[in-house]
Amino acid sequence: MIACSKYEGCGNDFIIVKAVDCGKHTYDDMAKRLCDRHMGIGADGLIIVADEPLTMHFYNCDGTEAMCGNGLRCFARYVYEEGICNKRSYLVRTKSGDMQVHVDAITPFLVSITSPKPSMDAQKYPDLPAVALWDYPLEIAGTKLSLDACFVISVHAIVYGIKKSRKDLVTLGEALCEHPLFPNGTNVNFVEVLDRTHLRVTTYERGVGMSNACGSGCCAAVWDAFVRGYVERVTEVLLPYGTLTITVHEDERITMQGSARCIMKGIAECI
């Protein structure tokens, strides 16, 4: 048995556990057990909270270690509500480096996450393709498309103008995620430009599958669209269960602002 909580950010859901409560359980095994939607609690990923220094360990539901922007917003609300950190601005250590967190409001809870500027440098980020992808032509799963790729918290592929059913997007997203271009797989973001300040983003997440929301994917999509001249520096991303406001700063750092909320707290008996 283990004490845990479940939080969500724009429909992206996570189990959160304190590191001190994990005992001898390994994080990857805990993720697979707790996140199973039939035999466990069910979630997109597992967040392990450690302090001294304040650290977020993140694992996808398949047990792979990763990093998650929506998860970091949920982490921020959890550490506030649990009394672990009551500062309004602080750094969190993550797999992708130190991330700046700022709690903008408590009621309703609103938090901003600022990440380093995006990169297309495969030498710095080995998850990226060896050759930079920008307007890269590709035919896959019977679809011709143009592909961009960058690293924003995690590796992301960005595709515009794909109008398919969700079922077909799953097929295409899986094929792109597992394409040999990406040595360790990739998140795949299907982007629709609505106007100069609004995007709609649908993400197939590496290690998860189709997701209701991907915070880092939305950051990557807005940065890519901004560089292409499609949107302004401040753009709202419309998602099935909420909205994220993404800002591309002059130095190309990216701030994501959004909400997070607790769904449940309890004891899990599935591990």
C-alpha atoms as a PDB file:
ATOM      1  CA  MET A   1       0.000   0.000   0.000  1.00  0.00           C
ATOM      2  CA  ILE A   2       1.155   3.523  -0.721  1.00  0.00           C
ATOM      3  CA  ALA A   3      -0.214   7.027  -0.106  1.00  0.00           C
ATOM      4  CA  CYS A   4      -0.853   8.876  -3.340  1.00  0.00           C
ATOM      5  CA  SER A   5      -2.822  11.673  -4.993  1.00  0.00           C
ATOM      6  CA  LYS A   6      -4.207  12.172  -8.480  1.00  0.00           C
ATOM      7  CA  TYR A   7      -4.028  15.554 -10.217  1.00  0.00           C
ATOM      8  CA  GLU A   8      -4.882  16.800 -13.695  1.00  0.00           C
ATOM      9  CA  GLY A   9      -3.897  19.704 -15.918  1.00  0.00           C
ATOM     10  CA  CYS A  10      -6.084  20.278 -19.005  1.00  0.00           C
ATOM     11  CA  GLY A  11      -7.135  16.615 -18.868  1.00  0.00           C
ATOM     12  CA  ASN A  12      -3.566  15.290 -18.646  1.00  0.00           C
ATOM     13  CA  ASP A  13      -3.704  13.171 -15.455  1.00  0.00           C
ATOM     14  CA  PHE A  14      -1.001  12.042 -13.047  1.00  0.00           C
ATOM     15  CA  ILE A  15      -0.482   9.994  -9.902  1.00  0.00           C
ATOM     16  CA  ILE A  16       1.718  11.866  -7.398  1.00  0.00           C
ATOM     17  CA  VAL A  17       3.728  10.117  -4.671  1.00  0.00           C
ATOM     18  CA  LYS A  18       6.332  11.409  -2.228  1.00  0.00           C
ATOM     19  CA  ALA A  19       9.753   9.831  -2.653  1.00  0.00           C
ATOM     20  CA  VAL A  20       9.942   9.093   1.075  1.00  0.00           C
ATOM     21  CA  ASP A  21       6.819   6.918   0.775  1.00  0.00           C
ATOM     22  CA  CYS A  22       8.094   4.720  -2.055  1.00  0.00           C
ATOM     23  CA  GLY A  23      10.064   2.279   0.084  1.00  0.00           C
ATOM     24  CA  LYS A  24      11.798  -0.367  -2.021  1.00  0.00           C
ATOM     25  CA  HIS A  25       9.490   0.068  -5.011  1.00  0.00           C
ATOM     26  CA  THR A  26      11.191   1.132  -8.244  1.00  0.00           C
ATOM     27  CA  TYR A  27       9.702   4.186  -9.950  1.00  0.00           C
ATOM     28  CA  ASP A  28       9.265   2.521 -13.337  1.00  0.00           C
ATOM     29  CA  ASP A  29       7.375  -0.438 -11.870  1.00  0.00           C
ATOM     30  CA  MET A  30       5.220   1.894  -9.760  1.00  0.00           C
ATOM     31  CA  ALA A  31       4.331   3.882 -12.880  1.00  0.00           C
ATOM     32  CA  LYS A  32       3.187   0.801 -14.786  1.00  0.00           C
ATOM     33  CA  ARG A  33       1.131  -0.496 -11.855  1.00  0.00           C
ATOM     34  CA  LEU A  34      -0.438   2.747 -10.604  1.00  0.00           C
ATOM     35  CA  CYS A  35      -1.134   4.243 -14.044  1.00  0.00           C
ATOM     36  CA  ASP A  36      -2.854   1.137 -15.447  1.00  0.00           C
ATOM     37  CA  ARG A  37      -6.444   2.233 -16.141  1.00  0.00           C
ATOM     38  CA  HIS A  38      -7.893  -1.221 -15.469  1.00  0.00           C
ATOM     39  CA  MET A  39      -5.712  -2.768 -12.763  1.00  0.00           C
ATOM     40  CA  GLY A  40      -4.475   0.426 -11.087  1.00  0.00           C
ATOM     41  CA  ILE A  41      -5.746   3.960 -10.487  1.00  0.00           C
ATOM     42  CA  GLY A  42      -5.211   5.078 -14.061  1.00  0.00           C
ATOM     43  CA  ALA A  43      -3.177   8.039 -15.314  1.00  0.00           C
ATOM     44  CA  ASP A  44      -0.915   9.284 -18.107  1.00  0.00           C
ATOM     45  CA  GLY A  45       2.099   9.328 -15.826  1.00  0.00           C
ATOM     46  CA  LEU A  46       3.624   9.093 -12.360  1.00  0.00           C
ATOM     47  CA  ILE A  47       5.219  12.034 -10.523  1.00  0.00           C
ATOM     48  CA  ILE A  48       7.640  11.390  -7.661  1.00  0.00           C
ATOM     49  CA  VAL A  49       8.197  14.385  -5.356  1.00  0.00           C
ATOM     50  CA  ALA A  50      11.545  14.764  -3.598  1.00  0.00           C
ATOM     51  CA  ASP A  51      12.919  17.722  -1.665  1.00  0.00           C
ATOM     52  CA  GLU A  52      16.303  19.059  -0.594  1.00  0.00           C
ATOM     53  CA  PRO A  53      16.615  19.948  -3.438  1.00  0.00           C
ATOM     54  CA  LEU A  54      13.052  20.156  -4.727  1.00  0.00           C
ATOM     55  CA  THR A  55      12.921  17.582  -7.529  1.00  0.00           C
ATOM     56  CA  MET A  56      10.286  16.115  -9.853  1.00  0.00           C
ATOM     57  CA  HIS A  57      10.905  12.607 -11.177  1.00  0.00           C
ATOM     58  CA  PHE A  58       8.480  11.781 -13.975  1.00  0.00           C
ATOM     59  CA  TYR A  59       7.584   8.431 -15.557  1.00  0.00           C
ATOM     60  CA  ASN A  60       5.172   7.758 -18.395  1.00  0.00           C
ATOM     61  CA  CYS A  61       2.477   5.151 -17.892  1.00  0.00           C
ATOM     62  CA  ASP A  62       4.646   2.593 -19.732  1.00  0.00           C
ATOM     63  CA  GLY A  63       7.418   3.026 -17.150  1.00  0.00           C
ATOM     64  CA  THR A  64       9.784   5.132 -19.266  1.00  0.00           C
ATOM     65  CA  GLU A  65      11.413   8.131 -17.592  1.00  0.00           C
ATOM     66  CA  ALA A  66      10.578  11.461 -19.205  1.00  0.00           C
ATOM     67  CA  MET A  67       9.681  15.079 -18.467  1.00  0.00           C
ATOM     68  CA  CYS A  68       6.226  16.698 -18.606  1.00  0.00           C
ATOM     69  CA  GLY A  69       5.166  20.344 -18.596  1.00  0.00           C
ATOM     70  CA  ASN A  70       1.571  19.669 -17.533  1.00  0.00           C
ATOM     71  CA  GLY A  71       2.937  17.367 -14.855  1.00  0.00           C
ATOM     72  CA  LEU A  72       5.118  20.168 -13.509  1.00  0.00           C
ATOM     73  CA  ARG A  73       2.058  22.394 -13.052  1.00  0.00           C
ATOM     74  CA  CYS A  74       0.388  19.576 -11.092  1.00  0.00           C
ATOM     75  CA  PHE A  75       3.624  19.138  -9.122  1.00  0.00           C
ATOM     76  CA  ALA A  76       3.504  22.861  -8.249  1.00  0.00           C
ATOM     77  CA  ARG A  77      -0.024  22.659  -6.895  1.00  0.00           C
ATOM     78  CA  TYR A  78       0.747  19.457  -4.983  1.00  0.00           C
ATOM     79  CA  VAL A  79       3.820  20.862  -3.195  1.00  0.00           C
ATOM     80  CA  TYR A  80       1.830  23.990  -2.317  1.00  0.00           C
ATOM     81  CA  GLU A  81      -1.133  22.067  -0.913  1.00  0.00           C
ATOM     82  CA  GLU A  82       1.094  19.606   0.949  1.00  0.00           C
ATOM     83  CA  GLY A  83       3.122  22.422   2.528  1.00  0.00           C
ATOM     84  CA  ILE A  84       6.343  21.196   0.891  1.00  0.00           C
ATOM     85  CA  CYS A  85       6.981  24.563  -0.778  1.00  0.00           C
ATOM     86  CA  ASN A  86       4.911  27.697  -0.187  1.00  0.00           C
ATOM     87  CA  LYS A  87       7.087  30.064  -2.216  1.00  0.00           C
ATOM     88  CA  ARG A  88       5.496  31.856  -5.153  1.00  0.00           C
ATOM     89  CA  SER A  89       8.610  31.523  -7.327  1.00  0.00           C
ATOM     90  CA  TYR A  90      11.218  28.740  -7.244  1.00  0.00           C
ATOM     91  CA  LEU A  91      13.290  26.254  -9.260  1.00  0.00           C
ATOM     92  CA  VAL A  92      12.471  22.567  -9.668  1.00  0.00           C
ATOM     93  CA  ARG A  93      15.108  20.020 -10.657  1.00  0.00           C
ATOM     94  CA  THR A  94      13.932  17.767 -13.503  1.00  0.00           C
ATOM     95  CA  LYS A  95      15.315  15.312 -16.048  1.00  0.00           C
ATOM     96  CA  SER A  96      15.435  18.210 -18.527  1.00  0.00           C
ATOM     97  CA  GLY A  97      17.256  20.583 -16.172  1.00  0.00           C
ATOM     98  CA  ASP A  98      16.090  23.200 -13.674  1.00  0.00           C
ATOM     99  CA  MET A  99      12.665  24.658 -14.457  1.00  0.00           C
ATOM    100  CA  GLN A 100      11.394  28.014 -13.187  1.00  0.00           C
ATOM    101  CA  VAL A 101       7.985  27.822 -11.495  1.00  0.00           C
ATOM    102  CA  HIS A 102       5.859  30.839 -10.597  1.00  0.00           C
ATOM    103  CA  VAL A 103       2.516  30.533  -8.822  1.00  0.00           C
ATOM    104  CA  ASP A 104       0.438  33.356 -10.310  1.00  0.00           C
ATOM    105  CA  ALA A 105      -2.766  32.798  -8.320  1.00  0.00           C
ATOM    106  CA  ILE A 106      -4.138  30.451  -5.667  1.00  0.00           C
ATOM    107  CA  THR A 107      -7.908  30.714  -6.219  1.00  0.00           C
ATOM    108  CA  PRO A 108      -8.241  29.631  -8.947  1.00  0.00           C
ATOM    109  CA  PHE A 109      -4.806  28.004  -8.961  1.00  0.00           C
ATOM    110  CA  LEU A 110      -2.755  29.318 -11.867  1.00  0.00           C
ATOM    111  CA  VAL A 111       0.922  28.579 -12.439  1.00  0.00           C
ATOM    112  CA  SER A 112       3.550  29.553 -15.020  1.00  0.00           C
ATOM    113  CA  ILE A 113       6.443  27.327 -16.051  1.00  0.00           C
ATOM    114  CA  THR A 114       9.416  28.851 -17.881  1.00  0.00           C
ATOM    115  CA  SER A 115      11.691  26.547 -19.854  1.00  0.00           C
ATOM    116  CA  PRO A 116      14.960  27.176 -21.730  1.00  0.00           C
ATOM    117  CA  LYS A 117      14.824  28.190 -25.389  1.00  0.00           C
ATOM    118  CA  PRO A 118      14.057  25.405 -27.889  1.00  0.00           C
ATOM    119  CA  SER A 119      16.882  23.635 -29.661  1.00  0.00           C
ATOM    120  CA  MET A 120      17.401  21.657 -32.858  1.00  0.00           C
ATOM    121  CA  ASP A 121      20.909  20.568 -31.828  1.00  0.00           C
ATOM    122  CA  ALA A 122      21.206  16.773 -31.841  1.00  0.00           C
ATOM    123  CA  GLN A 123      24.663  16.954 -30.237  1.00  0.00           C
ATOM    124  CA  LYS A 124      23.139  18.643 -27.190  1.00  0.00           C
ATOM    125  CA  TYR A 125      19.924  16.597 -27.230  1.00  0.00           C
ATOM    126  CA  PRO A 126      20.544  13.050 -28.570  1.00  0.00           C
ATOM    127  CA  ASP A 127      16.787  12.353 -28.813  1.00  0.00           C
ATOM    128  CA  LEU A 128      16.689  14.714 -31.815  1.00  0.00           C
ATOM    129  CA  PRO A 129      17.363  13.465 -35.361  1.00  0.00           C
ATOM    130  CA  ALA A 130      20.991  13.647 -36.476  1.00  0.00           C
ATOM    131  CA  VAL A 131      19.955  16.136 -39.188  1.00  0.00           C
ATOM    132  CA  ALA A 132      17.856  19.176 -38.242  1.00  0.00           C
ATOM    133  CA  LEU A 133      14.290  18.791 -39.464  1.00  0.00           C
ATOM    134  CA  TRP A 134      12.584  21.860 -40.902  1.00  0.00           C
ATOM    135  CA  ASP A 135      10.008  21.457 -43.690  1.00  0.00           C
ATOM    136  CA  TYR A 136      11.278  17.913 -43.963  1.00  0.00           C
ATOM    137  CA  PRO A 137       9.194  16.009 -46.560  1.00  0.00           C
ATOM    138  CA  LEU A 138       7.999  12.593 -45.456  1.00  0.00           C
ATOM    139  CA  GLU A 139       5.458  10.034 -46.588  1.00  0.00           C
ATOM    140  CA  ILE A 140       4.311   7.773 -43.779  1.00  0.00           C
ATOM    141  CA  ALA A 141       1.217   5.652 -43.101  1.00  0.00           C
ATOM    142  CA  GLY A 142      -0.105   6.676 -46.506  1.00  0.00           C
ATOM    143  CA  THR A 143       0.150  10.405 -45.742  1.00  0.00           C
ATOM    144  CA  LYS A 144       2.460  13.008 -47.285  1.00  0.00           C
ATOM    145  CA  LEU A 145       3.509  15.669 -44.785  1.00  0.00           C
ATOM    146  CA  SER A 146       6.120  18.275 -43.924  1.00  0.00           C
ATOM    147  CA  LEU A 147       7.873  17.784 -40.590  1.00  0.00           C
ATOM    148  CA  ASP A 148       9.612  20.090 -38.107  1.00  0.00           C
ATOM    149  CA  ALA A 149      11.371  18.864 -34.957  1.00  0.00           C
ATOM    150  CA  CYS A 150      12.808  20.549 -31.866  1.00  0.00           C
ATOM    151  CA  PHE A 151      13.603  19.953 -28.203  1.00  0.00           C
ATOM    152  CA  VAL A 152      11.429  21.824 -25.691  1.00  0.00           C
ATOM    153  CA  ILE A 153      11.586  20.008 -22.336  1.00  0.00           C
ATOM    154  CA  SER A 154      11.324  16.863 -24.483  1.00  0.00           C
ATOM    155  CA  VAL A 155      11.683  15.938 -28.152  1.00  0.00           C
ATOM    156  CA  HIS A 156       8.802  17.070 -30.387  1.00  0.00           C
ATOM    157  CA  ALA A 157       7.757  16.645 -34.000  1.00  0.00           C
ATOM    158  CA  ILE A 158       5.398  19.332 -35.356  1.00  0.00           C
ATOM    159  CA  VAL A 159       3.049  18.774 -38.272  1.00  0.00           C
ATOM    160  CA  TYR A 160       0.582  21.272 -39.786  1.00  0.00           C
ATOM    161  CA  GLY A 161      -2.552  20.836 -41.852  1.00  0.00           C
ATOM    162  CA  ILE A 162      -3.409  17.207 -41.095  1.00  0.00           C
ATOM    163  CA  LYS A 163      -7.191  16.799 -41.102  1.00  0.00           C
ATOM    164  CA  LYS A 164      -7.966  13.249 -40.036  1.00  0.00           C
ATOM    165  CA  SER A 165     -10.181  11.419 -37.566  1.00  0.00           C
ATOM    166  CA  ARG A 166      -8.753  10.754 -34.095  1.00  0.00           C
ATOM    167  CA  LYS A 167      -8.402   7.076 -35.031  1.00  0.00           C
ATOM    168  CA  ASP A 168      -6.300   7.981 -38.078  1.00  0.00           C
ATOM    169  CA  LEU A 169      -4.238  10.421 -36.006  1.00  0.00           C
ATOM    170  CA  VAL A 170      -3.407   7.567 -33.621  1.00  0.00           C
ATOM    171  CA  THR A 171      -2.094   5.514 -36.559  1.00  0.00           C
ATOM    172  CA  LEU A 172      -0.092   8.428 -37.960  1.00  0.00           C
ATOM    173  CA  GLY A 173       1.148   9.546 -34.535  1.00  0.00           C
ATOM    174  CA  GLU A 174       2.370   6.069 -33.661  1.00  0.00           C
ATOM    175  CA  ALA A 175       4.149   5.723 -37.013  1.00  0.00           C
ATOM    176  CA  LEU A 176       5.907   9.089 -36.582  1.00  0.00           C
ATOM    177  CA  CYS A 177       6.754   8.383 -32.945  1.00  0.00           C
ATOM    178  CA  GLU A 178       8.508   5.156 -33.929  1.00  0.00           C
ATOM    179  CA  HIS A 179      10.114   6.436 -37.146  1.00  0.00           C
ATOM    180  CA  PRO A 180      13.868   5.695 -37.494  1.00  0.00           C
ATOM    181  CA  LEU A 181      14.535   9.453 -37.705  1.00  0.00           C
ATOM    182  CA  PHE A 182      13.995   9.591 -33.927  1.00  0.00           C
ATOM    183  CA  PRO A 183      16.408   7.289 -32.084  1.00  0.00           C
ATOM    184  CA  ASN A 184      14.319   7.150 -28.902  1.00  0.00           C
ATOM    185  CA  GLY A 185      10.901   8.040 -30.286  1.00  0.00           C
ATOM    186  CA  THR A 186       9.220  11.446 -30.266  1.00  0.00           C
ATOM    187  CA  ASN A 187       6.102  13.294 -29.202  1.00  0.00           C
ATOM    188  CA  VAL A 188       4.026  14.182 -32.263  1.00  0.00           C
ATOM    189  CA  ASN A 189       2.043  17.438 -32.327  1.00  0.00           C
ATOM    190  CA  PHE A 190      -0.654  17.953 -34.955  1.00  0.00           C
ATOM    191  CA  VAL A 191      -1.170  21.711 -35.160  1.00  0.00           C
ATOM    192  CA  GLU A 192      -4.084  23.738 -36.524  1.00  0.00           C
ATOM    193  CA  VAL A 193      -3.567  27.511 -36.830  1.00  0.00           C
ATOM    194  CA  LEU A 194      -6.888  29.191 -36.000  1.00  0.00           C
ATOM    195  CA  ASP A 195      -5.703  32.823 -36.116  1.00  0.00           C
ATOM    196  CA  ARG A 196      -2.761  34.995 -35.060  1.00  0.00           C
ATOM    197  CA  THR A 197      -3.258  34.261 -31.348  1.00  0.00           C
ATOM    198  CA  HIS A 198      -4.894  30.823 -31.249  1.00  0.00           C
ATOM    199  CA  LEU A 199      -3.766  27.287 -32.066  1.00  0.00           C
ATOM    200  CA  ARG A 200      -5.382  23.912 -31.635  1.00  0.00           C
ATOM    201  CA  VAL A 201      -2.896  21.132 -30.799  1.00  0.00           C
ATOM    202  CA  THR A 202      -3.459  17.375 -30.694  1.00  0.00           C
ATOM    203  CA  THR A 203      -0.557  15.312 -29.346  1.00  0.00           C
ATOM    204  CA  TYR A 204       0.494  11.707 -29.613  1.00  0.00           C
ATOM    205  CA  GLU A 205       2.831  11.351 -26.629  1.00  0.00           C
ATOM    206  CA  ARG A 206       5.842   9.091 -26.557  1.00  0.00           C
ATOM    207  CA  GLY A 207       5.229   6.429 -23.918  1.00  0.00           C
ATOM    208  CA  VAL A 208       1.550   7.345 -23.542  1.00  0.00           C
ATOM    209  CA  GLY A 209      -0.301   7.464 -26.867  1.00  0.00           C
ATOM    210  CA  MET A 210      -2.966  10.039 -27.704  1.00  0.00           C
ATOM    211  CA  SER A 211      -3.188  12.615 -24.930  1.00  0.00           C
ATOM    212  CA  ASN A 212      -5.782  15.190 -23.914  1.00  0.00           C
ATOM    213  CA  ALA A 213      -2.958  17.695 -23.505  1.00  0.00           C
ATOM    214  CA  CYS A 214       0.823  17.989 -23.668  1.00  0.00           C
ATOM    215  CA  GLY A 215       2.219  21.165 -22.138  1.00  0.00           C
ATOM    216  CA  SER A 216       5.680  20.913 -23.666  1.00  0.00           C
ATOM    217  CA  GLY A 217       4.075  19.986 -26.992  1.00  0.00           C
ATOM    218  CA  CYS A 218       2.016  23.170 -26.881  1.00  0.00           C
ATOM    219  CA  CYS A 219       5.199  25.160 -26.134  1.00  0.00           C
ATOM    220  CA  ALA A 220       6.969  23.534 -29.080  1.00  0.00           C
ATOM    221  CA  ALA A 221       3.993  24.162 -31.374  1.00  0.00           C
ATOM    222  CA  VAL A 222       3.707  27.860 -30.460  1.00  0.00           C
ATOM    223  CA  TRP A 223       7.476  28.433 -30.801  1.00  0.00           C
ATOM    224  CA  ASP A 224       7.503  26.707 -34.179  1.00  0.00           C
ATOM    225  CA  ALA A 225       4.441  28.627 -35.380  1.00  0.00           C
ATOM    226  CA  PHE A 226       5.952  31.903 -34.124  1.00  0.00           C
ATOM    227  CA  VAL A 227       9.247  31.308 -35.947  1.00  0.00           C
ATOM    228  CA  ARG A 228       7.241  30.568 -39.097  1.00  0.00           C
ATOM    229  CA  GLY A 229       5.353  33.845 -38.672  1.00  0.00           C
ATOM    230  CA  TYR A 230       1.964  32.208 -38.130  1.00  0.00           C
ATOM    231  CA  VAL A 231       1.260  33.557 -34.609  1.00  0.00           C
ATOM    232  CA  GLU A 232       2.210  36.307 -32.166  1.00  0.00           C
ATOM    233  CA  ARG A 233       4.532  35.940 -29.172  1.00  0.00           C
ATOM    234  CA  VAL A 234       1.572  35.338 -26.832  1.00  0.00           C
ATOM    235  CA  THR A 235      -0.748  32.618 -28.102  1.00  0.00           C
ATOM    236  CA  GLU A 236      -3.547  30.576 -26.559  1.00  0.00           C
ATOM    237  CA  VAL A 237      -3.657  26.849 -27.250  1.00  0.00           C
ATOM    238  CA  LEU A 238      -7.129  25.347 -27.220  1.00  0.00           C
ATOM    239  CA  LEU A 239      -7.354  21.828 -25.808  1.00  0.00           C
ATOM    240  CA  PRO A 240     -10.320  19.512 -25.151  1.00  0.00           C
ATOM    241  CA  TYR A 241     -10.267  20.205 -21.386  1.00  0.00           C
ATOM    242  CA  GLY A 242      -8.788  23.660 -21.050  1.00  0.00           C
ATOM    243  CA  THR A 243      -6.543  26.369 -22.455  1.00  0.00           C
ATOM    244  CA  LEU A 244      -2.843  27.108 -22.089  1.00  0.00           C
ATOM    245  CA  THR A 245      -1.310  30.535 -22.644  1.00  0.00           C
ATOM    246  CA  ILE A 246       2.158  30.278 -24.195  1.00  0.00           C
ATOM    247  CA  THR A 247       4.610  33.194 -24.358  1.00  0.00           C
ATOM    248  CA  VAL A 248       7.751  33.226 -26.518  1.00  0.00           C
ATOM    249  CA  HIS A 249      10.155  35.700 -24.905  1.00  0.00           C
ATOM    250  CA  GLU A 250      12.688  37.863 -26.698  1.00  0.00           C
ATOM    251  CA  ASP A 251      15.490  35.483 -25.653  1.00  0.00           C
ATOM    252  CA  GLU A 252      13.342  32.549 -26.923  1.00  0.00           C
ATOM    253  CA  ARG A 253      12.666  31.108 -23.487  1.00  0.00           C
ATOM    254  CA  ILE A 254       9.082  29.895 -23.307  1.00  0.00           C
ATOM    255  CA  THR A 255       6.527  30.381 -20.531  1.00  0.00           C
ATOM    256  CA  MET A 256       3.451  28.170 -20.261  1.00  0.00           C
ATOM    257  CA  GLN A 257       0.616  29.341 -18.010  1.00  0.00           C
ATOM    258  CA  GLY A 258      -2.283  27.119 -17.001  1.00  0.00           C
ATOM    259  CA  SER A 259      -4.225  25.525 -14.173  1.00  0.00           C
ATOM    260  CA  ALA A 260      -4.008  22.263 -12.242  1.00  0.00           C
ATOM    261  CA  ARG A 261      -6.341  20.575  -9.778  1.00  0.00           C
ATOM    262  CA  CYS A 262      -6.510  17.678  -7.364  1.00  0.00           C
ATOM    263  CA  ILE A 263      -8.888  14.818  -8.237  1.00  0.00           C
ATOM    264  CA  MET A 264      -8.321  12.477  -5.307  1.00  0.00           C
ATOM    265  CA  LYS A 265      -6.109  11.575  -2.363  1.00  0.00           C
ATOM    266  CA  GLY A 266      -5.942   8.089  -0.889  1.00  0.00           C
ATOM    267  CA  ILE A 267      -4.136   4.795  -0.436  1.00  0.00           C
ATOM    268  CA  ALA A 268      -3.282   2.556  -3.388  1.00  0.00           C
ATOM    269  CA  GLU A 269      -3.282  -1.194  -2.763  1.00  0.00           C
ATOM    270  CA  CYS A 270      -2.274  -2.221  -6.314  1.00  0.00           C
ATOM    271  CA  ILE A 271       1.489  -2.373  -5.617  1.00  0.00           C
END
